[in-house]
Amino acid sequence: MNSAPFLAMLLAGLAGGFGHCISMCGPLVAAVSVGETRHGILHHLLYNLGRITTYSILGAIVGLSGSFLVLASSIEPIQRAIMIIAGLSIILMGLSTAEWLPLPHKKSCNPGSSLIQKILVFFKAPRSIGSYYPMGIVLGFLPCGLTYTALLTAARSGMEAKYPFAGMMQGAIMMMLFGLGTTPALILVGKVANTISNRTRKRFYLLASLIMIATGVWFIVLAR
């Protein structure tokens, strides 16, 4: 098997991560990272592992079908739903970061109130370590020109495979490598977002909250 396409995808992800991803996805990653008190990178790794999982699944689909048009038409409704969910999630994170999202009283005996409390705690930073992987899976579906280009490449490579299973695996591996390539830049953005001094942290949180809320509204508008 020719290893050149796989190396090319890894390098494309690496180059695109420090170029396109920092400018386009950086605010979103910073929004996810704001308020996190953990010092390691495990939560960043879990978030990016979620993204890579989504990319690998999409890569397997386009590699198997050999046609990006088939994929695009089939996942368009899913993308719209994901954009709305992601938009609402980012708005909730923004409200919680600015402490404009009061949590229900813990002693409430209302089952509905208890459920709302659990949902809001998920968006309240610092979040549980287990929330980052599913968050990455969901946000991995967000539309991205660079990701579309990578999917086209994976689909074209899948067309040249001798067997459907080989095409599926080739597409999955290529998109996995692409996702791995974009990871260092996004981890860097996430770490920088958490190195703010205590003096400016409150002001930054307010600014970041407003940016998150605006971004969430923008995602919802785009999904219409």
N, C-alpha and C. Protein backbone atom coordinates (compact mmCIF):
# COMPACT_ATOMS: atom_id res chain seq x y z
N MET A 1 0.85 -1.20 0.00
CA MET A 1 0.00 0.00 0.00
C MET A 1 0.89 1.24 0.00
N ASN A 2 0.55 2.19 -0.87
CA ASN A 2 1.30 3.43 -0.96
C ASN A 2 1.04 4.28 0.27
N SER A 3 2.11 4.64 0.98
CA SER A 3 1.95 5.40 2.22
C SER A 3 1.91 6.91 1.98
N ALA A 4 2.19 7.35 0.76
CA ALA A 4 2.25 8.79 0.47
C ALA A 4 0.94 9.51 0.78
N PRO A 5 -0.24 8.98 0.38
CA PRO A 5 -1.49 9.69 0.70
C PRO A 5 -1.74 9.84 2.20
N PHE A 6 -1.32 8.85 2.98
CA PHE A 6 -1.53 8.91 4.42
C PHE A 6 -0.64 9.98 5.05
N LEU A 7 0.62 10.03 4.61
CA LEU A 7 1.55 11.05 5.10
C LEU A 7 1.06 12.44 4.69
N ALA A 8 0.55 12.53 3.47
CA ALA A 8 0.05 13.82 2.97
C ALA A 8 -1.12 14.31 3.81
N MET A 9 -2.01 13.40 4.22
CA MET A 9 -3.15 13.80 5.04
C MET A 9 -2.72 14.27 6.42
N LEU A 10 -1.72 13.58 7.00
CA LEU A 10 -1.21 13.99 8.31
C LEU A 10 -0.59 15.39 8.23
N LEU A 11 0.22 15.61 7.20
CA LEU A 11 0.87 16.91 7.03
C LEU A 11 -0.14 18.01 6.70
N ALA A 12 -1.17 17.65 5.92
CA ALA A 12 -2.22 18.62 5.60
C ALA A 12 -2.96 19.04 6.85
N GLY A 13 -3.25 18.07 7.72
CA GLY A 13 -3.91 18.39 8.98
C GLY A 13 -3.03 19.26 9.87
N LEU A 14 -1.73 18.96 9.90
CA LEU A 14 -0.80 19.72 10.73
C LEU A 14 -0.70 21.16 10.24
N ALA A 15 -0.53 21.32 8.93
CA ALA A 15 -0.41 22.66 8.35
C ALA A 15 -1.74 23.42 8.47
N GLY A 16 -2.83 22.73 8.17
CA GLY A 16 -4.14 23.37 8.26
C GLY A 16 -4.52 23.72 9.68
N GLY A 17 -4.06 22.91 10.64
CA GLY A 17 -4.37 23.18 12.04
C GLY A 17 -3.80 24.51 12.50
N PHE A 18 -2.55 24.79 12.13
CA PHE A 18 -1.90 26.03 12.56
C PHE A 18 -2.27 27.20 11.66
N GLY A 19 -2.97 26.93 10.57
CA GLY A 19 -3.41 28.01 9.70
C GLY A 19 -4.90 28.22 9.82
N HIS A 20 -5.66 27.34 9.20
CA HIS A 20 -7.12 27.48 9.15
C HIS A 20 -7.78 27.25 10.51
N CYS A 21 -7.40 26.18 11.20
CA CYS A 21 -8.13 25.78 12.42
C CYS A 21 -8.00 26.80 13.55
N ILE A 22 -6.82 27.40 13.70
CA ILE A 22 -6.63 28.37 14.78
C ILE A 22 -7.55 29.57 14.58
N SER A 23 -7.69 30.01 13.32
CA SER A 23 -8.52 31.18 13.06
C SER A 23 -10.01 30.86 13.06
N MET A 24 -10.39 29.68 12.52
CA MET A 24 -11.80 29.35 12.37
C MET A 24 -12.36 28.61 13.59
N CYS A 25 -11.60 27.64 14.12
CA CYS A 25 -12.08 26.81 15.23
C CYS A 25 -11.52 27.24 16.57
N GLY A 26 -10.50 28.12 16.55
CA GLY A 26 -9.87 28.56 17.78
C GLY A 26 -10.84 29.12 18.80
N PRO A 27 -11.74 30.05 18.39
CA PRO A 27 -12.69 30.60 19.37
C PRO A 27 -13.58 29.53 20.01
N LEU A 28 -13.95 28.53 19.21
CA LEU A 28 -14.79 27.46 19.75
C LEU A 28 -14.02 26.63 20.77
N VAL A 29 -12.77 26.29 20.45
CA VAL A 29 -11.94 25.51 21.38
C VAL A 29 -11.67 26.31 22.64
N ALA A 30 -11.42 27.61 22.48
CA ALA A 30 -11.20 28.47 23.64
C ALA A 30 -12.45 28.51 24.51
N ALA A 31 -13.62 28.54 23.85
CA ALA A 31 -14.88 28.56 24.59
C ALA A 31 -15.04 27.29 25.42
N VAL A 32 -14.67 26.16 24.83
CA VAL A 32 -14.76 24.89 25.55
C VAL A 32 -13.77 24.86 26.72
N SER A 33 -12.61 25.53 26.56
CA SER A 33 -11.55 25.46 27.56
C SER A 33 -11.70 26.47 28.68
N VAL A 34 -12.41 27.59 28.40
CA VAL A 34 -12.52 28.65 29.40
C VAL A 34 -13.16 28.13 30.69
N GLY A 35 -12.52 28.43 31.80
CA GLY A 35 -13.05 28.04 33.10
C GLY A 35 -12.55 26.69 33.59
N GLU A 36 -11.85 25.95 32.74
CA GLU A 36 -11.32 24.65 33.13
C GLU A 36 -10.12 24.85 34.04
N THR A 37 -10.12 24.18 35.19
CA THR A 37 -9.05 24.35 36.17
C THR A 37 -8.01 23.23 36.13
N ARG A 38 -8.22 22.24 35.30
CA ARG A 38 -7.26 21.13 35.21
C ARG A 38 -5.96 21.63 34.56
N HIS A 39 -4.83 21.12 35.06
CA HIS A 39 -3.54 21.58 34.55
C HIS A 39 -2.98 20.67 33.46
N GLY A 40 -3.44 19.45 33.38
CA GLY A 40 -2.92 18.54 32.37
C GLY A 40 -3.56 18.77 31.01
N ILE A 41 -3.35 17.81 30.12
CA ILE A 41 -3.93 17.93 28.78
C ILE A 41 -4.91 16.79 28.50
N LEU A 42 -5.25 16.00 29.53
CA LEU A 42 -6.13 14.87 29.31
C LEU A 42 -7.47 15.31 28.73
N HIS A 43 -8.06 16.39 29.27
CA HIS A 43 -9.35 16.84 28.78
C HIS A 43 -9.25 17.33 27.34
N HIS A 44 -8.11 17.96 26.99
CA HIS A 44 -7.89 18.37 25.60
C HIS A 44 -7.77 17.15 24.69
N LEU A 45 -7.05 16.14 25.18
CA LEU A 45 -6.89 14.92 24.39
C LEU A 45 -8.22 14.22 24.17
N LEU A 46 -9.06 14.18 25.21
CA LEU A 46 -10.37 13.53 25.08
C LEU A 46 -11.26 14.28 24.10
N TYR A 47 -11.23 15.61 24.16
CA TYR A 47 -12.02 16.41 23.22
C TYR A 47 -11.58 16.15 21.78
N ASN A 48 -10.27 16.16 21.57
CA ASN A 48 -9.75 15.93 20.22
C ASN A 48 -9.93 14.49 19.77
N LEU A 49 -9.90 13.55 20.73
CA LEU A 49 -10.18 12.15 20.40
C LEU A 49 -11.62 12.01 19.90
N GLY A 50 -12.52 12.79 20.49
CA GLY A 50 -13.91 12.78 20.02
C GLY A 50 -14.00 13.28 18.59
N ARG A 51 -13.29 14.37 18.30
CA ARG A 51 -13.27 14.90 16.92
C ARG A 51 -12.73 13.87 15.95
N ILE A 52 -11.61 13.24 16.34
CA ILE A 52 -10.97 12.27 15.47
C ILE A 52 -11.87 11.07 15.24
N THR A 53 -12.63 10.68 16.26
CA THR A 53 -13.60 9.58 16.11
C THR A 53 -14.62 9.92 15.03
N THR A 54 -15.17 11.13 15.09
CA THR A 54 -16.14 11.56 14.09
C THR A 54 -15.51 11.59 12.70
N TYR A 55 -14.31 12.16 12.60
CA TYR A 55 -13.63 12.23 11.30
C TYR A 55 -13.38 10.83 10.74
N SER A 56 -12.98 9.90 11.61
CA SER A 56 -12.70 8.54 11.16
C SER A 56 -13.96 7.86 10.64
N ILE A 57 -15.08 8.07 11.33
CA ILE A 57 -16.35 7.48 10.89
C ILE A 57 -16.76 8.06 9.54
N LEU A 58 -16.67 9.38 9.40
CA LEU A 58 -17.00 10.01 8.12
C LEU A 58 -16.06 9.55 7.02
N GLY A 59 -14.77 9.39 7.36
CA GLY A 59 -13.80 8.90 6.39
C GLY A 59 -14.13 7.50 5.93
N ALA A 60 -14.57 6.65 6.85
CA ALA A 60 -14.95 5.29 6.49
C ALA A 60 -16.15 5.30 5.55
N ILE A 61 -17.10 6.21 5.79
CA ILE A 61 -18.29 6.29 4.95
C ILE A 61 -17.93 6.73 3.53
N VAL A 62 -17.13 7.80 3.42
CA VAL A 62 -16.80 8.28 2.07
C VAL A 62 -15.86 7.30 1.37
N GLY A 63 -14.99 6.64 2.15
CA GLY A 63 -14.11 5.65 1.54
C GLY A 63 -14.89 4.47 1.01
N LEU A 64 -15.94 4.08 1.71
CA LEU A 64 -16.78 2.96 1.27
C LEU A 64 -17.64 3.34 0.08
N SER A 65 -18.21 4.51 0.12
CA SER A 65 -19.09 4.93 -0.97
C SER A 65 -18.31 5.44 -2.17
N GLY A 66 -17.13 6.01 -1.92
CA GLY A 66 -16.35 6.58 -3.02
C GLY A 66 -16.98 7.81 -3.61
N SER A 67 -17.94 8.40 -2.90
CA SER A 67 -18.63 9.56 -3.45
C SER A 67 -18.94 10.54 -2.34
N PHE A 68 -18.36 11.70 -2.40
CA PHE A 68 -18.61 12.73 -1.39
C PHE A 68 -20.01 13.30 -1.54
N LEU A 69 -20.54 13.33 -2.77
CA LEU A 69 -21.88 13.88 -3.00
C LEU A 69 -22.93 13.07 -2.26
N VAL A 70 -22.77 11.74 -2.26
CA VAL A 70 -23.72 10.88 -1.56
C VAL A 70 -23.69 11.21 -0.06
N LEU A 71 -22.49 11.36 0.48
CA LEU A 71 -22.36 11.67 1.90
C LEU A 71 -22.95 13.03 2.22
N ALA A 72 -22.63 14.03 1.39
CA ALA A 72 -23.08 15.39 1.66
C ALA A 72 -24.60 15.48 1.72
N SER A 73 -25.27 14.80 0.79
CA SER A 73 -26.73 14.86 0.77
C SER A 73 -27.34 14.10 1.94
N SER A 74 -26.67 13.05 2.39
CA SER A 74 -27.24 12.22 3.46
C SER A 74 -27.04 12.81 4.84
N ILE A 75 -25.95 13.58 5.05
CA ILE A 75 -25.69 14.10 6.39
C ILE A 75 -26.11 15.56 6.55
N GLU A 76 -26.64 16.18 5.47
CA GLU A 76 -27.02 17.59 5.58
C GLU A 76 -28.06 17.82 6.68
N PRO A 77 -29.14 17.00 6.77
CA PRO A 77 -30.10 17.21 7.88
C PRO A 77 -29.45 17.00 9.25
N ILE A 78 -28.52 16.03 9.32
CA ILE A 78 -27.84 15.78 10.59
C ILE A 78 -26.98 16.98 10.96
N GLN A 79 -26.29 17.56 9.96
CA GLN A 79 -25.45 18.71 10.23
C GLN A 79 -26.26 19.89 10.75
N ARG A 80 -27.45 20.09 10.18
CA ARG A 80 -28.29 21.19 10.64
C ARG A 80 -28.69 21.00 12.10
N ALA A 81 -29.09 19.77 12.43
CA ALA A 81 -29.46 19.48 13.82
C ALA A 81 -28.27 19.65 14.75
N ILE A 82 -27.10 19.17 14.31
CA ILE A 82 -25.89 19.30 15.13
C ILE A 82 -25.54 20.76 15.34
N MET A 83 -25.68 21.59 14.30
CA MET A 83 -25.35 23.01 14.42
C MET A 83 -26.27 23.68 15.43
N ILE A 84 -27.56 23.31 15.42
CA ILE A 84 -28.50 23.90 16.37
C ILE A 84 -28.15 23.46 17.79
N ILE A 85 -27.87 22.15 17.96
CA ILE A 85 -27.51 21.63 19.28
C ILE A 85 -26.22 22.27 19.77
N ALA A 86 -25.23 22.35 18.86
CA ALA A 86 -23.96 22.97 19.24
C ALA A 86 -24.14 24.44 19.58
N GLY A 87 -24.98 25.13 18.81
CA GLY A 87 -25.24 26.54 19.08
C GLY A 87 -25.85 26.74 20.45
N LEU A 88 -26.87 25.94 20.78
CA LEU A 88 -27.50 26.03 22.09
C LEU A 88 -26.51 25.69 23.21
N SER A 89 -25.66 24.69 22.94
CA SER A 89 -24.67 24.28 23.95
C SER A 89 -23.67 25.40 24.22
N ILE A 90 -23.21 26.05 23.15
CA ILE A 90 -22.24 27.14 23.30
C ILE A 90 -22.87 28.32 24.02
N ILE A 91 -24.15 28.61 23.72
CA ILE A 91 -24.86 29.69 24.43
C ILE A 91 -24.94 29.37 25.92
N LEU A 92 -25.26 28.11 26.25
CA LEU A 92 -25.33 27.72 27.66
C LEU A 92 -23.97 27.84 28.34
N MET A 93 -22.89 27.45 27.61
CA MET A 93 -21.54 27.59 28.18
C MET A 93 -21.21 29.05 28.41
N GLY A 94 -21.61 29.92 27.47
CA GLY A 94 -21.36 31.34 27.63
C GLY A 94 -22.10 31.92 28.83
N LEU A 95 -23.36 31.54 28.98
CA LEU A 95 -24.15 32.02 30.11
C LEU A 95 -23.59 31.52 31.44
N SER A 96 -23.13 30.26 31.45
CA SER A 96 -22.58 29.71 32.70
C SER A 96 -21.24 30.33 33.04
N THR A 97 -20.42 30.61 32.01
CA THR A 97 -19.12 31.24 32.25
C THR A 97 -19.28 32.63 32.84
N ALA A 98 -20.30 33.36 32.38
CA ALA A 98 -20.56 34.71 32.91
C ALA A 98 -21.37 34.66 34.20
N GLU A 99 -21.69 33.44 34.66
CA GLU A 99 -22.50 33.25 35.86
C GLU A 99 -23.87 33.89 35.72
N TRP A 100 -24.40 33.83 34.51
CA TRP A 100 -25.75 34.29 34.24
C TRP A 100 -26.72 33.11 34.15
N LEU A 101 -26.25 31.94 34.55
CA LEU A 101 -27.05 30.73 34.43
C LEU A 101 -27.19 30.11 35.81
N PRO A 102 -28.14 30.59 36.62
CA PRO A 102 -28.29 30.06 37.99
C PRO A 102 -28.75 28.61 37.97
N LEU A 103 -28.13 27.80 38.80
CA LEU A 103 -28.51 26.39 38.90
C LEU A 103 -29.68 26.22 39.86
N PRO A 104 -30.58 25.28 39.58
CA PRO A 104 -31.70 25.02 40.50
C PRO A 104 -31.19 24.59 41.87
N HIS A 105 -31.99 24.82 42.90
CA HIS A 105 -31.60 24.45 44.26
C HIS A 105 -31.47 22.94 44.38
N LYS A 106 -30.37 22.49 44.95
CA LYS A 106 -30.09 21.06 45.02
C LYS A 106 -31.14 20.28 45.81
N LYS A 107 -31.80 20.91 46.78
CA LYS A 107 -32.74 20.20 47.63
C LYS A 107 -34.15 20.12 47.01
N SER A 108 -34.28 20.62 45.79
CA SER A 108 -35.60 20.59 45.15
C SER A 108 -36.04 19.15 44.92
N CYS A 109 -37.29 18.85 45.23
CA CYS A 109 -37.80 17.50 45.07
C CYS A 109 -38.48 17.31 43.72
N ASN A 110 -38.45 18.33 42.88
CA ASN A 110 -39.05 18.26 41.56
C ASN A 110 -38.13 17.48 40.62
N PRO A 111 -38.56 16.33 40.06
CA PRO A 111 -37.70 15.56 39.16
C PRO A 111 -37.23 16.37 37.96
N GLY A 112 -38.12 17.23 37.44
CA GLY A 112 -37.74 18.06 36.30
C GLY A 112 -36.63 19.01 36.67
N SER A 113 -36.71 19.57 37.87
CA SER A 113 -35.66 20.49 38.34
C SER A 113 -34.34 19.77 38.48
N SER A 114 -34.38 18.52 38.96
CA SER A 114 -33.16 17.72 39.11
C SER A 114 -32.51 17.47 37.76
N LEU A 115 -33.32 17.18 36.74
CA LEU A 115 -32.79 16.94 35.40
C LEU A 115 -32.15 18.20 34.85
N ILE A 116 -32.83 19.34 35.02
CA ILE A 116 -32.28 20.60 34.54
C ILE A 116 -30.95 20.90 35.22
N GLN A 117 -30.88 20.59 36.53
CA GLN A 117 -29.65 20.82 37.27
C GLN A 117 -28.50 20.01 36.69
N LYS A 118 -28.76 18.75 36.36
CA LYS A 118 -27.71 17.90 35.80
C LYS A 118 -27.25 18.41 34.45
N ILE A 119 -28.20 18.89 33.63
CA ILE A 119 -27.85 19.42 32.31
C ILE A 119 -27.02 20.68 32.43
N LEU A 120 -27.42 21.58 33.34
CA LEU A 120 -26.70 22.84 33.49
C LEU A 120 -25.31 22.63 34.08
N VAL A 121 -25.18 21.65 34.99
CA VAL A 121 -23.86 21.35 35.56
C VAL A 121 -22.90 20.90 34.47
N PHE A 122 -23.43 20.21 33.44
CA PHE A 122 -22.59 19.75 32.33
C PHE A 122 -21.90 20.93 31.64
N PHE A 123 -22.61 22.08 31.57
CA PHE A 123 -22.06 23.24 30.88
C PHE A 123 -21.32 24.18 31.82
N LYS A 124 -21.41 23.93 33.11
CA LYS A 124 -20.76 24.79 34.08
C LYS A 124 -19.30 24.39 34.24
N ALA A 125 -18.39 25.30 33.95
CA ALA A 125 -16.97 25.00 34.09
C ALA A 125 -16.56 25.09 35.55
N PRO A 126 -15.60 24.27 36.03
CA PRO A 126 -14.98 23.16 35.28
C PRO A 126 -15.92 21.99 35.09
N ARG A 127 -15.84 21.36 33.93
CA ARG A 127 -16.74 20.26 33.59
C ARG A 127 -16.11 18.93 33.99
N SER A 128 -16.96 17.89 34.02
CA SER A 128 -16.44 16.57 34.34
C SER A 128 -15.55 16.10 33.20
N ILE A 129 -14.56 15.31 33.54
CA ILE A 129 -13.60 14.86 32.53
C ILE A 129 -14.28 14.01 31.46
N GLY A 130 -15.37 13.35 31.84
CA GLY A 130 -16.06 12.49 30.89
C GLY A 130 -16.90 13.22 29.87
N SER A 131 -17.05 14.54 30.02
CA SER A 131 -17.90 15.30 29.09
C SER A 131 -17.16 15.71 27.83
N TYR A 132 -15.82 15.65 27.87
CA TYR A 132 -15.06 16.20 26.74
C TYR A 132 -15.06 15.29 25.51
N TYR A 133 -15.06 13.99 25.71
CA TYR A 133 -15.06 13.08 24.55
C TYR A 133 -16.36 13.19 23.76
N PRO A 134 -17.55 13.08 24.39
CA PRO A 134 -18.78 13.25 23.62
C PRO A 134 -18.92 14.64 23.03
N MET A 135 -18.38 15.66 23.72
CA MET A 135 -18.42 17.01 23.19
C MET A 135 -17.63 17.09 21.88
N GLY A 136 -16.47 16.42 21.85
CA GLY A 136 -15.66 16.39 20.63
C GLY A 136 -16.36 15.65 19.50
N ILE A 137 -17.06 14.56 19.83
CA ILE A 137 -17.79 13.80 18.82
C ILE A 137 -18.86 14.68 18.17
N VAL A 138 -19.62 15.39 18.99
CA VAL A 138 -20.69 16.23 18.46
C VAL A 138 -20.14 17.37 17.61
N LEU A 139 -19.15 18.09 18.14
CA LEU A 139 -18.62 19.24 17.42
C LEU A 139 -17.79 18.84 16.20
N GLY A 140 -17.41 17.57 16.11
CA GLY A 140 -16.70 17.09 14.93
C GLY A 140 -17.56 17.10 13.68
N PHE A 141 -18.90 17.19 13.85
CA PHE A 141 -19.81 17.22 12.72
C PHE A 141 -20.01 18.63 12.16
N LEU A 142 -19.47 19.65 12.84
CA LEU A 142 -19.69 21.01 12.36
C LEU A 142 -19.07 21.21 10.98
N PRO A 143 -19.76 21.95 10.10
CA PRO A 143 -19.24 22.18 8.75
C PRO A 143 -17.89 22.89 8.77
N CYS A 144 -16.97 22.44 7.94
CA CYS A 144 -15.63 23.03 7.87
C CYS A 144 -15.07 22.78 6.48
N GLY A 145 -14.66 23.85 5.80
CA GLY A 145 -14.14 23.72 4.45
C GLY A 145 -12.91 22.83 4.37
N LEU A 146 -12.03 22.95 5.37
CA LEU A 146 -10.82 22.13 5.38
C LEU A 146 -11.17 20.65 5.54
N THR A 147 -12.14 20.37 6.42
CA THR A 147 -12.56 18.98 6.61
C THR A 147 -13.23 18.43 5.36
N TYR A 148 -14.03 19.24 4.69
CA TYR A 148 -14.65 18.81 3.44
C TYR A 148 -13.60 18.44 2.40
N THR A 149 -12.55 19.25 2.32
CA THR A 149 -11.47 18.96 1.37
C THR A 149 -10.80 17.63 1.70
N ALA A 150 -10.58 17.39 2.99
CA ALA A 150 -9.98 16.12 3.41
C ALA A 150 -10.91 14.95 3.08
N LEU A 151 -12.22 15.15 3.26
CA LEU A 151 -13.18 14.08 2.94
C LEU A 151 -13.20 13.80 1.43
N LEU A 152 -13.09 14.83 0.63
CA LEU A 152 -13.02 14.63 -0.82
C LEU A 152 -11.80 13.78 -1.19
N THR A 153 -10.67 14.09 -0.54
CA THR A 153 -9.45 13.33 -0.78
C THR A 153 -9.62 11.88 -0.36
N ALA A 154 -10.23 11.66 0.79
CA ALA A 154 -10.46 10.30 1.27
C ALA A 154 -11.41 9.55 0.34
N ALA A 155 -12.43 10.25 -0.16
CA ALA A 155 -13.38 9.61 -1.08
C ALA A 155 -12.70 9.23 -2.39
N ARG A 156 -11.87 10.12 -2.89
CA ARG A 156 -11.15 9.83 -4.14
C ARG A 156 -10.19 8.66 -3.96
N SER A 157 -9.55 8.60 -2.81
CA SER A 157 -8.65 7.48 -2.53
C SER A 157 -9.43 6.18 -2.41
N GLY A 158 -10.64 6.25 -1.80
CA GLY A 158 -11.45 5.06 -1.66
C GLY A 158 -11.91 4.49 -2.98
N MET A 159 -12.07 5.35 -3.99
CA MET A 159 -12.48 4.90 -5.32
C MET A 159 -11.43 4.02 -5.96
N GLU A 160 -10.18 4.19 -5.55
CA GLU A 160 -9.07 3.44 -6.15
C GLU A 160 -8.81 2.12 -5.43
N ALA A 161 -9.51 1.87 -4.33
CA ALA A 161 -9.30 0.63 -3.57
C ALA A 161 -9.91 -0.55 -4.33
N LYS A 162 -9.30 -1.72 -4.20
CA LYS A 162 -9.77 -2.90 -4.92
C LYS A 162 -11.04 -3.47 -4.32
N TYR A 163 -11.20 -3.34 -3.01
CA TYR A 163 -12.35 -3.92 -2.33
C TYR A 163 -13.05 -2.85 -1.48
N PRO A 164 -14.38 -2.95 -1.30
CA PRO A 164 -15.11 -1.96 -0.49
C PRO A 164 -14.56 -1.82 0.92
N PHE A 165 -14.21 -2.96 1.55
CA PHE A 165 -13.68 -2.89 2.91
C PHE A 165 -12.36 -2.14 2.94
N ALA A 166 -11.53 -2.37 1.93
CA ALA A 166 -10.24 -1.68 1.85
C ALA A 166 -10.46 -0.18 1.69
N GLY A 167 -11.45 0.20 0.87
CA GLY A 167 -11.75 1.61 0.70
C GLY A 167 -12.25 2.23 1.98
N MET A 168 -13.07 1.51 2.72
CA MET A 168 -13.59 2.00 3.99
C MET A 168 -12.46 2.23 4.99
N MET A 169 -11.55 1.25 5.10
CA MET A 169 -10.45 1.37 6.04
C MET A 169 -9.49 2.48 5.62
N GLN A 170 -9.26 2.60 4.33
CA GLN A 170 -8.35 3.63 3.83
C GLN A 170 -8.91 5.02 4.14
N GLY A 171 -10.23 5.20 3.90
CA GLY A 171 -10.84 6.49 4.20
C GLY A 171 -10.80 6.80 5.69
N ALA A 172 -11.06 5.79 6.53
CA ALA A 172 -11.05 6.00 7.98
C ALA A 172 -9.66 6.38 8.47
N ILE A 173 -8.65 5.67 7.98
CA ILE A 173 -7.27 5.95 8.43
C ILE A 173 -6.82 7.33 7.97
N MET A 174 -7.18 7.69 6.73
CA MET A 174 -6.77 9.00 6.21
C MET A 174 -7.39 10.13 7.03
N MET A 175 -8.67 10.00 7.37
CA MET A 175 -9.31 11.04 8.15
C MET A 175 -8.83 11.04 9.60
N MET A 176 -8.47 9.86 10.12
CA MET A 176 -7.90 9.79 11.46
C MET A 176 -6.58 10.56 11.50
N LEU A 177 -5.74 10.36 10.50
CA LEU A 177 -4.46 11.05 10.43
C LEU A 177 -4.66 12.55 10.24
N PHE A 178 -5.65 12.92 9.44
CA PHE A 178 -5.95 14.34 9.27
C PHE A 178 -6.35 14.96 10.62
N GLY A 179 -7.21 14.26 11.37
CA GLY A 179 -7.61 14.75 12.68
C GLY A 179 -6.45 14.85 13.64
N LEU A 180 -5.56 13.86 13.61
CA LEU A 180 -4.37 13.90 14.46
C LEU A 180 -3.50 15.10 14.11
N GLY A 181 -3.42 15.41 12.82
CA GLY A 181 -2.61 16.55 12.39
C GLY A 181 -3.13 17.87 12.91
N THR A 182 -4.45 18.01 13.00
CA THR A 182 -5.02 19.27 13.48
C THR A 182 -4.98 19.41 15.00
N THR A 183 -4.70 18.32 15.69
CA THR A 183 -4.78 18.32 17.15
C THR A 183 -3.78 19.23 17.85
N PRO A 184 -2.47 19.24 17.48
CA PRO A 184 -1.53 20.09 18.22
C PRO A 184 -1.93 21.56 18.27
N ALA A 185 -2.41 22.10 17.15
CA ALA A 185 -2.80 23.51 17.13
C ALA A 185 -3.97 23.78 18.06
N LEU A 186 -4.95 22.87 18.07
CA LEU A 186 -6.14 23.09 18.89
C LEU A 186 -5.83 22.90 20.38
N ILE A 187 -4.90 21.98 20.70
CA ILE A 187 -4.47 21.84 22.10
C ILE A 187 -3.76 23.12 22.55
N LEU A 188 -2.94 23.68 21.66
CA LEU A 188 -2.23 24.92 21.98
C LEU A 188 -3.21 26.04 22.29
N VAL A 189 -4.26 26.16 21.47
CA VAL A 189 -5.27 27.19 21.71
C VAL A 189 -5.95 26.97 23.06
N GLY A 190 -6.30 25.70 23.34
CA GLY A 190 -6.95 25.40 24.61
C GLY A 190 -6.09 25.71 25.81
N LYS A 191 -4.78 25.41 25.71
CA LYS A 191 -3.88 25.68 26.84
C LYS A 191 -3.67 27.17 27.04
N VAL A 192 -3.55 27.91 25.94
CA VAL A 192 -3.35 29.35 26.06
C VAL A 192 -4.55 30.01 26.72
N ALA A 193 -5.74 29.49 26.41
CA ALA A 193 -6.96 30.06 26.99
C ALA A 193 -7.00 29.92 28.50
N ASN A 194 -6.22 29.00 29.06
CA ASN A 194 -6.22 28.76 30.50
C ASN A 194 -5.00 29.33 31.21
N THR A 195 -4.20 30.15 30.52
CA THR A 195 -3.01 30.74 31.15
C THR A 195 -3.21 32.21 31.49
N ILE A 196 -4.45 32.62 31.54
CA ILE A 196 -4.75 34.02 31.82
C ILE A 196 -4.57 34.30 33.30
N SER A 197 -3.98 35.41 33.62
CA SER A 197 -3.76 35.77 35.03
C SER A 197 -5.10 36.01 35.73
N ASN A 198 -5.09 35.85 37.05
CA ASN A 198 -6.31 36.02 37.83
C ASN A 198 -6.86 37.44 37.71
N ARG A 199 -5.98 38.41 37.53
CA ARG A 199 -6.41 39.82 37.46
C ARG A 199 -7.31 40.06 36.26
N THR A 200 -6.96 39.45 35.14
CA THR A 200 -7.73 39.69 33.92
C THR A 200 -8.74 38.58 33.63
N ARG A 201 -8.75 37.55 34.49
CA ARG A 201 -9.61 36.40 34.21
C ARG A 201 -11.09 36.78 34.16
N LYS A 202 -11.57 37.59 35.12
CA LYS A 202 -12.98 37.93 35.16
C LYS A 202 -13.39 38.73 33.92
N ARG A 203 -12.53 39.67 33.54
CA ARG A 203 -12.85 40.47 32.35
C ARG A 203 -12.84 39.60 31.10
N PHE A 204 -11.88 38.70 31.05
CA PHE A 204 -11.82 37.82 29.88
C PHE A 204 -13.04 36.90 29.85
N TYR A 205 -13.44 36.41 31.02
CA TYR A 205 -14.61 35.53 31.08
C TYR A 205 -15.85 36.24 30.53
N LEU A 206 -16.00 37.53 30.89
CA LEU A 206 -17.15 38.29 30.39
C LEU A 206 -17.07 38.43 28.88
N LEU A 207 -15.88 38.80 28.37
CA LEU A 207 -15.71 38.93 26.93
C LEU A 207 -15.91 37.60 26.22
N ALA A 208 -15.31 36.54 26.78
CA ALA A 208 -15.45 35.20 26.19
C ALA A 208 -16.90 34.75 26.22
N SER A 209 -17.61 35.10 27.29
CA SER A 209 -19.02 34.71 27.39
C SER A 209 -19.83 35.35 26.28
N LEU A 210 -19.60 36.63 26.04
CA LEU A 210 -20.32 37.33 24.98
C LEU A 210 -19.98 36.74 23.62
N ILE A 211 -18.70 36.38 23.42
CA ILE A 211 -18.29 35.78 22.15
C ILE A 211 -18.95 34.41 21.98
N MET A 212 -19.00 33.63 23.06
CA MET A 212 -19.62 32.31 22.99
C MET A 212 -21.11 32.41 22.66
N ILE A 213 -21.78 33.35 23.33
CA ILE A 213 -23.21 33.51 23.07
C ILE A 213 -23.46 33.93 21.63
N ALA A 214 -22.64 34.88 21.13
CA ALA A 214 -22.78 35.33 19.75
C ALA A 214 -22.48 34.20 18.77
N THR A 215 -21.45 33.38 19.09
CA THR A 215 -21.11 32.25 18.23
C THR A 215 -22.25 31.23 18.19
N GLY A 216 -22.83 30.96 19.35
CA GLY A 216 -23.95 30.01 19.41
C GLY A 216 -25.14 30.49 18.59
N VAL A 217 -25.45 31.78 18.71
CA VAL A 217 -26.55 32.34 17.92
C VAL A 217 -26.24 32.24 16.43
N TRP A 218 -24.97 32.50 16.07
CA TRP A 218 -24.55 32.43 14.67
C TRP A 218 -24.72 31.01 14.11
N PHE A 219 -24.35 30.00 14.90
CA PHE A 219 -24.52 28.61 14.47
C PHE A 219 -26.00 28.29 14.21
N ILE A 220 -26.86 28.76 15.11
CA ILE A 220 -28.29 28.50 14.96
C ILE A 220 -28.85 29.18 13.71
N VAL A 221 -28.40 30.41 13.46
CA VAL A 221 -28.86 31.14 12.27
C VAL A 221 -28.39 30.43 10.99
N LEU A 222 -27.14 29.95 10.98
CA LEU A 222 -26.61 29.24 9.81
C LEU A 222 -27.36 27.94 9.52
N ALA A 223 -27.90 27.33 10.56
CA ALA A 223 -28.58 26.05 10.39
C ALA A 223 -29.98 26.20 9.78
N ARG A 224 -30.48 27.41 9.72
CA ARG A 224 -31.83 27.63 9.20
C ARG A 224 -31.88 27.46 7.68
